[in-house]
Amino acid sequence: HNNNSSSSSALFIRTNRKKMSGEVIRKLFAPNSSVESQYSSNNRRHTKEEIDSFLAQSMTSLSFQEREAAYEELHGIANANPETPERISMWLTTFETYLNTINKTGSAYSFAEAMDRSYVSAQKFRMMFLRADRYDVEKAAQR
Protein backbone atom coordinates (compact mmCIF):
# COMPACT_ATOMS: atom_id res chain seq x y z
CA HIS A 1 0.00 0.00 0.00
CA ASN A 2 1.19 3.49 -0.67
CA ASN A 3 1.33 6.11 2.06
CA ASN A 4 -2.01 7.67 1.06
CA SER A 5 -3.98 4.44 1.36
CA SER A 6 -2.46 3.52 4.71
CA SER A 7 -3.01 7.06 6.02
CA SER A 8 -6.61 7.00 4.84
CA SER A 9 -7.07 3.60 6.49
CA ALA A 10 -5.73 5.00 9.74
CA LEU A 11 -7.99 8.02 9.48
CA PHE A 12 -10.95 5.75 8.75
CA ILE A 13 -10.35 3.64 11.83
CA ARG A 14 -9.66 6.63 14.10
CA THR A 15 -12.79 8.52 13.02
CA ASN A 16 -15.19 5.61 12.66
CA ARG A 17 -14.25 3.05 15.29
CA LYS A 18 -17.45 3.72 17.29
CA LYS A 19 -19.64 3.57 14.18
CA MET A 20 -18.33 0.28 12.85
CA SER A 21 -20.18 -2.86 13.77
CA GLY A 22 -18.83 -4.89 16.65
CA GLU A 23 -18.20 -7.83 14.34
CA VAL A 24 -15.92 -5.79 12.06
CA ILE A 25 -14.05 -4.32 15.04
CA ARG A 26 -13.57 -7.78 16.57
CA LYS A 27 -12.27 -9.10 13.27
CA LEU A 28 -9.86 -6.18 12.86
CA PHE A 29 -8.42 -6.39 16.35
CA ALA A 30 -8.81 -10.05 17.24
CA PRO A 31 -6.02 -11.12 19.61
CA ASN A 32 -5.28 -14.20 17.54
CA SER A 33 -5.26 -12.47 14.15
CA SER A 34 -2.01 -12.78 12.22
CA VAL A 35 -1.94 -9.03 11.62
CA GLU A 36 -2.35 -8.16 15.30
CA SER A 37 0.31 -10.65 16.40
CA GLN A 38 2.94 -8.87 14.28
CA TYR A 39 2.50 -5.72 16.34
CA SER A 40 1.79 -6.95 19.87
CA SER A 41 4.94 -8.89 20.68
CA ASN A 42 6.02 -6.22 23.15
CA ASN A 43 4.71 -3.09 24.81
CA ARG A 44 6.94 -0.57 23.07
CA ARG A 45 5.42 2.51 21.40
CA HIS A 46 4.82 1.99 17.71
CA THR A 47 5.70 4.45 14.99
CA LYS A 48 3.08 6.11 12.84
CA GLU A 49 4.22 3.98 9.90
CA GLU A 50 3.81 0.76 11.89
CA ILE A 51 0.33 1.77 12.99
CA ASP A 52 -0.64 2.78 9.45
CA SER A 53 0.70 -0.54 8.17
CA PHE A 54 -1.27 -2.46 10.80
CA LEU A 55 -4.49 -0.61 9.94
CA ALA A 56 -3.98 -1.09 6.20
CA GLN A 57 -3.35 -4.82 6.69
CA SER A 58 -6.39 -5.03 8.96
CA MET A 59 -8.60 -3.40 6.34
CA THR A 60 -7.35 -5.76 3.64
CA SER A 61 -8.11 -8.73 5.91
CA LEU A 62 -11.82 -7.81 5.79
CA SER A 63 -14.07 -9.43 3.23
CA PHE A 64 -15.12 -7.37 0.23
CA GLN A 65 -18.61 -6.87 1.70
CA GLU A 66 -17.24 -5.76 5.08
CA ARG A 67 -14.82 -3.32 3.44
CA GLU A 68 -17.55 -1.92 1.17
CA ALA A 69 -19.90 -1.48 4.15
CA ALA A 70 -17.16 0.36 6.07
CA TYR A 71 -16.34 2.63 3.11
CA GLU A 72 -20.03 3.35 2.48
CA GLU A 73 -20.50 4.31 6.10
CA LEU A 74 -17.38 6.47 6.04
CA HIS A 75 -18.62 8.36 2.99
CA GLY A 76 -22.13 8.73 4.31
CA ILE A 77 -23.83 6.47 1.81
CA ALA A 78 -24.60 3.55 4.06
CA ASN A 79 -28.20 2.52 3.67
CA ALA A 80 -29.55 3.35 7.11
CA ASN A 81 -33.15 3.03 5.90
CA PRO A 82 -33.50 0.05 3.61
CA GLU A 83 -36.41 0.41 1.26
CA THR A 84 -39.14 -2.08 1.98
CA PRO A 85 -42.60 -1.88 0.43
CA GLU A 86 -44.03 -0.96 3.85
CA ARG A 87 -41.54 1.84 4.43
CA ILE A 88 -41.91 3.19 0.90
CA SER A 89 -45.67 3.31 1.33
CA MET A 90 -45.32 5.08 4.69
CA TRP A 91 -42.79 7.62 3.35
CA LEU A 92 -44.88 8.40 0.28
CA THR A 93 -48.07 8.81 2.32
CA THR A 94 -46.32 11.11 4.79
CA PHE A 95 -44.65 12.97 1.90
CA GLU A 96 -48.06 13.54 0.26
CA THR A 97 -49.57 14.74 3.56
CA TYR A 98 -46.69 17.13 4.17
CA LEU A 99 -46.84 18.48 0.60
CA ASN A 100 -50.51 19.28 1.14
CA THR A 101 -49.73 21.30 4.28
CA ILE A 102 -46.93 23.56 3.00
CA ASN A 103 -47.30 26.68 0.90
CA LYS A 104 -46.08 25.84 -2.61
CA THR A 105 -47.22 29.10 -4.26
CA GLY A 106 -44.64 30.26 -6.78
CA SER A 107 -42.38 27.28 -6.21
CA ALA A 108 -40.80 25.12 -8.90
CA TYR A 109 -43.00 22.30 -7.62
CA SER A 110 -46.23 24.24 -8.23
CA PHE A 111 -44.99 25.19 -11.70
CA ALA A 112 -44.14 21.54 -12.52
CA GLU A 113 -47.45 20.38 -11.04
CA ALA A 114 -49.32 22.82 -13.31
CA MET A 115 -47.45 21.44 -16.33
CA ASP A 116 -47.86 17.71 -15.58
CA ARG A 117 -49.45 16.67 -12.29
CA SER A 118 -49.03 12.94 -13.02
CA TYR A 119 -45.25 13.37 -13.39
CA VAL A 120 -44.72 15.11 -10.02
CA SER A 121 -47.15 12.70 -8.34
CA ALA A 122 -45.36 9.60 -9.63
CA GLN A 123 -43.72 7.35 -7.04
CA LYS A 124 -40.43 7.26 -8.96
CA PHE A 125 -40.22 11.07 -9.02
CA ARG A 126 -41.02 11.45 -5.32
CA MET A 127 -38.62 8.69 -4.28
CA MET A 128 -35.77 10.68 -5.86
CA PHE A 129 -36.43 13.46 -3.35
CA LEU A 130 -36.79 11.08 -0.42
CA ARG A 131 -33.53 9.30 -1.26
CA ALA A 132 -31.70 12.60 -1.73
CA ASP A 133 -32.66 13.61 1.80
CA ARG A 134 -32.07 10.17 3.30
CA TYR A 135 -35.81 9.58 3.75
CA ASP A 136 -36.39 12.74 5.78
CA VAL A 137 -39.91 13.52 4.53
CA GLU A 138 -39.95 17.13 5.69
CA LYS A 139 -36.64 17.99 4.02
CA ALA A 140 -37.67 16.15 0.85
CA ALA A 141 -40.94 18.08 0.63
CA GLN A 142 -39.16 21.40 1.19
CA ARG A 143 -36.76 20.57 -1.63
C-alpha atoms as a PDB file:
ATOM      1  CA  HIS A   1       0.000   0.000   0.000  1.00  0.00           C
ATOM      2  CA  ASN A   2       1.186   3.487  -0.670  1.00  0.00           C
ATOM      3  CA  ASN A   3       1.332   6.106   2.061  1.00  0.00           C
ATOM      4  CA  ASN A   4      -2.013   7.672   1.058  1.00  0.00           C
ATOM      5  CA  SER A   5      -3.980   4.437   1.358  1.00  0.00           C
ATOM      6  CA  SER A   6      -2.465   3.521   4.712  1.00  0.00           C
ATOM      7  CA  SER A   7      -3.010   7.063   6.021  1.00  0.00           C
ATOM      8  CA  SER A   8      -6.612   7.005   4.840  1.00  0.00           C
ATOM      9  CA  SER A   9      -7.074   3.596   6.493  1.00  0.00           C
ATOM     10  CA  ALA A  10      -5.725   5.002   9.738  1.00  0.00           C
ATOM     11  CA  LEU A  11      -7.987   8.024   9.478  1.00  0.00           C
ATOM     12  CA  PHE A  12     -10.951   5.752   8.749  1.00  0.00           C
ATOM     13  CA  ILE A  13     -10.350   3.641  11.831  1.00  0.00           C
ATOM     14  CA  ARG A  14      -9.662   6.630  14.099  1.00  0.00           C
ATOM     15  CA  THR A  15     -12.788   8.525  13.025  1.00  0.00           C
ATOM     16  CA  ASN A  16     -15.189   5.611  12.656  1.00  0.00           C
ATOM     17  CA  ARG A  17     -14.253   3.049  15.294  1.00  0.00           C
ATOM     18  CA  LYS A  18     -17.447   3.717  17.291  1.00  0.00           C
ATOM     19  CA  LYS A  19     -19.644   3.567  14.183  1.00  0.00           C
ATOM     20  CA  MET A  20     -18.326   0.279  12.846  1.00  0.00           C
ATOM     21  CA  SER A  21     -20.182  -2.860  13.774  1.00  0.00           C
ATOM     22  CA  GLY A  22     -18.834  -4.889  16.650  1.00  0.00           C
ATOM     23  CA  GLU A  23     -18.199  -7.826  14.339  1.00  0.00           C
ATOM     24  CA  VAL A  24     -15.921  -5.786  12.064  1.00  0.00           C
ATOM     25  CA  ILE A  25     -14.046  -4.320  15.040  1.00  0.00           C
ATOM     26  CA  ARG A  26     -13.573  -7.781  16.573  1.00  0.00           C
ATOM     27  CA  LYS A  27     -12.273  -9.099  13.267  1.00  0.00           C
ATOM     28  CA  LEU A  28      -9.863  -6.184  12.856  1.00  0.00           C
ATOM     29  CA  PHE A  29      -8.420  -6.387  16.347  1.00  0.00           C
ATOM     30  CA  ALA A  30      -8.813 -10.048  17.245  1.00  0.00           C
ATOM     31  CA  PRO A  31      -6.021 -11.125  19.605  1.00  0.00           C
ATOM     32  CA  ASN A  32      -5.276 -14.202  17.541  1.00  0.00           C
ATOM     33  CA  SER A  33      -5.261 -12.473  14.152  1.00  0.00           C
ATOM     34  CA  SER A  34      -2.008 -12.784  12.220  1.00  0.00           C
ATOM     35  CA  VAL A  35      -1.941  -9.033  11.617  1.00  0.00           C
ATOM     36  CA  GLU A  36      -2.346  -8.163  15.296  1.00  0.00           C
ATOM     37  CA  SER A  37       0.310 -10.654  16.398  1.00  0.00           C
ATOM     38  CA  GLN A  38       2.940  -8.871  14.276  1.00  0.00           C
ATOM     39  CA  TYR A  39       2.503  -5.717  16.342  1.00  0.00           C
ATOM     40  CA  SER A  40       1.786  -6.954  19.866  1.00  0.00           C
ATOM     41  CA  SER A  41       4.940  -8.888  20.676  1.00  0.00           C
ATOM     42  CA  ASN A  42       6.017  -6.216  23.152  1.00  0.00           C
ATOM     43  CA  ASN A  43       4.708  -3.091  24.806  1.00  0.00           C
ATOM     44  CA  ARG A  44       6.942  -0.567  23.066  1.00  0.00           C
ATOM     45  CA  ARG A  45       5.420   2.507  21.403  1.00  0.00           C
ATOM     46  CA  HIS A  46       4.821   1.995  17.707  1.00  0.00           C
ATOM     47  CA  THR A  47       5.703   4.451  14.986  1.00  0.00           C
ATOM     48  CA  LYS A  48       3.077   6.108  12.843  1.00  0.00           C
ATOM     49  CA  GLU A  49       4.218   3.981   9.900  1.00  0.00           C
ATOM     50  CA  GLU A  50       3.808   0.758  11.894  1.00  0.00           C
ATOM     51  CA  ILE A  51       0.326   1.768  12.991  1.00  0.00           C
ATOM     52  CA  ASP A  52      -0.643   2.775   9.447  1.00  0.00           C
ATOM     53  CA  SER A  53       0.696  -0.541   8.173  1.00  0.00           C
ATOM     54  CA  PHE A  54      -1.270  -2.459  10.803  1.00  0.00           C
ATOM     55  CA  LEU A  55      -4.485  -0.611   9.942  1.00  0.00           C
ATOM     56  CA  ALA A  56      -3.983  -1.093   6.201  1.00  0.00           C
ATOM     57  CA  GLN A  57      -3.352  -4.821   6.689  1.00  0.00           C
ATOM     58  CA  SER A  58      -6.386  -5.026   8.959  1.00  0.00           C
ATOM     59  CA  MET A  59      -8.600  -3.397   6.344  1.00  0.00           C
ATOM     60  CA  THR A  60      -7.351  -5.760   3.644  1.00  0.00           C
ATOM     61  CA  SER A  61      -8.112  -8.734   5.906  1.00  0.00           C
ATOM     62  CA  LEU A  62     -11.817  -7.814   5.791  1.00  0.00           C
ATOM     63  CA  SER A  63     -14.068  -9.425   3.227  1.00  0.00           C
ATOM     64  CA  PHE A  64     -15.122  -7.371   0.229  1.00  0.00           C
ATOM     65  CA  GLN A  65     -18.612  -6.871   1.697  1.00  0.00           C
ATOM     66  CA  GLU A  66     -17.240  -5.761   5.083  1.00  0.00           C
ATOM     67  CA  ARG A  67     -14.819  -3.324   3.435  1.00  0.00           C
ATOM     68  CA  GLU A  68     -17.547  -1.920   1.173  1.00  0.00           C
ATOM     69  CA  ALA A  69     -19.897  -1.477   4.152  1.00  0.00           C
ATOM     70  CA  ALA A  70     -17.162   0.357   6.073  1.00  0.00           C
ATOM     71  CA  TYR A  71     -16.339   2.629   3.115  1.00  0.00           C
ATOM     72  CA  GLU A  72     -20.025   3.351   2.478  1.00  0.00           C
ATOM     73  CA  GLU A  73     -20.500   4.308   6.098  1.00  0.00           C
ATOM     74  CA  LEU A  74     -17.379   6.466   6.044  1.00  0.00           C
ATOM     75  CA  HIS A  75     -18.617   8.356   2.990  1.00  0.00           C
ATOM     76  CA  GLY A  76     -22.130   8.726   4.315  1.00  0.00           C
ATOM     77  CA  ILE A  77     -23.830   6.466   1.811  1.00  0.00           C
ATOM     78  CA  ALA A  78     -24.595   3.551   4.058  1.00  0.00           C
ATOM     79  CA  ASN A  79     -28.198   2.516   3.666  1.00  0.00           C
ATOM     80  CA  ALA A  80     -29.551   3.347   7.105  1.00  0.00           C
ATOM     81  CA  ASN A  81     -33.149   3.029   5.900  1.00  0.00           C
ATOM     82  CA  PRO A  82     -33.505   0.045   3.611  1.00  0.00           C
ATOM     83  CA  GLU A  83     -36.406   0.409   1.264  1.00  0.00           C
ATOM     84  CA  THR A  84     -39.135  -2.078   1.982  1.00  0.00           C
ATOM     85  CA  PRO A  85     -42.597  -1.876   0.431  1.00  0.00           C
ATOM     86  CA  GLU A  86     -44.028  -0.964   3.845  1.00  0.00           C
ATOM     87  CA  ARG A  87     -41.539   1.839   4.426  1.00  0.00           C
ATOM     88  CA  ILE A  88     -41.907   3.191   0.896  1.00  0.00           C
ATOM     89  CA  SER A  89     -45.674   3.309   1.333  1.00  0.00           C
ATOM     90  CA  MET A  90     -45.325   5.076   4.685  1.00  0.00           C
ATOM     91  CA  TRP A  91     -42.794   7.623   3.345  1.00  0.00           C
ATOM     92  CA  LEU A  92     -44.883   8.403   0.277  1.00  0.00           C
ATOM     93  CA  THR A  93     -48.070   8.809   2.320  1.00  0.00           C
ATOM     94  CA  THR A  94     -46.317  11.115   4.786  1.00  0.00           C
ATOM     95  CA  PHE A  95     -44.651  12.973   1.903  1.00  0.00           C
ATOM     96  CA  GLU A  96     -48.059  13.542   0.263  1.00  0.00           C
ATOM     97  CA  THR A  97     -49.570  14.739   3.555  1.00  0.00           C
ATOM     98  CA  TYR A  98     -46.694  17.125   4.169  1.00  0.00           C
ATOM     99  CA  LEU A  99     -46.838  18.485   0.602  1.00  0.00           C
ATOM    100  CA  ASN A 100     -50.512  19.278   1.142  1.00  0.00           C
ATOM    101  CA  THR A 101     -49.731  21.301   4.283  1.00  0.00           C
ATOM    102  CA  ILE A 102     -46.925  23.561   3.001  1.00  0.00           C
ATOM    103  CA  ASN A 103     -47.296  26.680   0.896  1.00  0.00           C
ATOM    104  CA  LYS A 104     -46.075  25.843  -2.608  1.00  0.00           C
ATOM    105  CA  THR A 105     -47.219  29.097  -4.263  1.00  0.00           C
ATOM    106  CA  GLY A 106     -44.641  30.265  -6.778  1.00  0.00           C
ATOM    107  CA  SER A 107     -42.377  27.276  -6.213  1.00  0.00           C
ATOM    108  CA  ALA A 108     -40.798  25.124  -8.896  1.00  0.00           C
ATOM    109  CA  TYR A 109     -43.002  22.301  -7.620  1.00  0.00           C
ATOM    110  CA  SER A 110     -46.232  24.243  -8.232  1.00  0.00           C
ATOM    111  CA  PHE A 111     -44.989  25.188 -11.701  1.00  0.00           C
ATOM    112  CA  ALA A 112     -44.141  21.541 -12.518  1.00  0.00           C
ATOM    113  CA  GLU A 113     -47.447  20.381 -11.044  1.00  0.00           C
ATOM    114  CA  ALA A 114     -49.325  22.821 -13.315  1.00  0.00           C
ATOM    115  CA  MET A 115     -47.446  21.437 -16.327  1.00  0.00           C
ATOM    116  CA  ASP A 116     -47.860  17.713 -15.575  1.00  0.00           C
ATOM    117  CA  ARG A 117     -49.449  16.668 -12.290  1.00  0.00           C
ATOM    118  CA  SER A 118     -49.034  12.938 -13.018  1.00  0.00           C
ATOM    119  CA  TYR A 119     -45.249  13.371 -13.386  1.00  0.00           C
ATOM    120  CA  VAL A 120     -44.723  15.109 -10.020  1.00  0.00           C
ATOM    121  CA  SER A 121     -47.146  12.697  -8.338  1.00  0.00           C
ATOM    122  CA  ALA A 122     -45.361   9.597  -9.628  1.00  0.00           C
ATOM    123  CA  GLN A 123     -43.719   7.355  -7.037  1.00  0.00           C
ATOM    124  CA  LYS A 124     -40.428   7.256  -8.956  1.00  0.00           C
ATOM    125  CA  PHE A 125     -40.220  11.068  -9.017  1.00  0.00           C
ATOM    126  CA  ARG A 126     -41.019  11.447  -5.320  1.00  0.00           C
ATOM    127  CA  MET A 127     -38.619   8.691  -4.276  1.00  0.00           C
ATOM    128  CA  MET A 128     -35.768  10.678  -5.855  1.00  0.00           C
ATOM    129  CA  PHE A 129     -36.429  13.464  -3.346  1.00  0.00           C
ATOM    130  CA  LEU A 130     -36.786  11.084  -0.418  1.00  0.00           C
ATOM    131  CA  ARG A 131     -33.534   9.303  -1.263  1.00  0.00           C
ATOM    132  CA  ALA A 132     -31.696  12.604  -1.735  1.00  0.00           C
ATOM    133  CA  ASP A 133     -32.657  13.607   1.803  1.00  0.00           C
ATOM    134  CA  ARG A 134     -32.071  10.170   3.304  1.00  0.00           C
ATOM    135  CA  TYR A 135     -35.806   9.583   3.748  1.00  0.00           C
ATOM    136  CA  ASP A 136     -36.391  12.738   5.777  1.00  0.00           C
ATOM    137  CA  VAL A 137     -39.911  13.516   4.527  1.00  0.00           C
ATOM    138  CA  GLU A 138     -39.952  17.128   5.691  1.00  0.00           C
ATOM    139  CA  LYS A 139     -36.639  17.990   4.016  1.00  0.00           C
ATOM    140  CA  ALA A 140     -37.673  16.149   0.847  1.00  0.00           C
ATOM    141  CA  ALA A 141     -40.936  18.077   0.629  1.00  0.00           C
ATOM    142  CA  GLN A 142     -39.159  21.402   1.194  1.00  0.00           C
ATOM    143  CA  ARG A 143     -36.761  20.572  -1.629  1.00  0.00           C
END
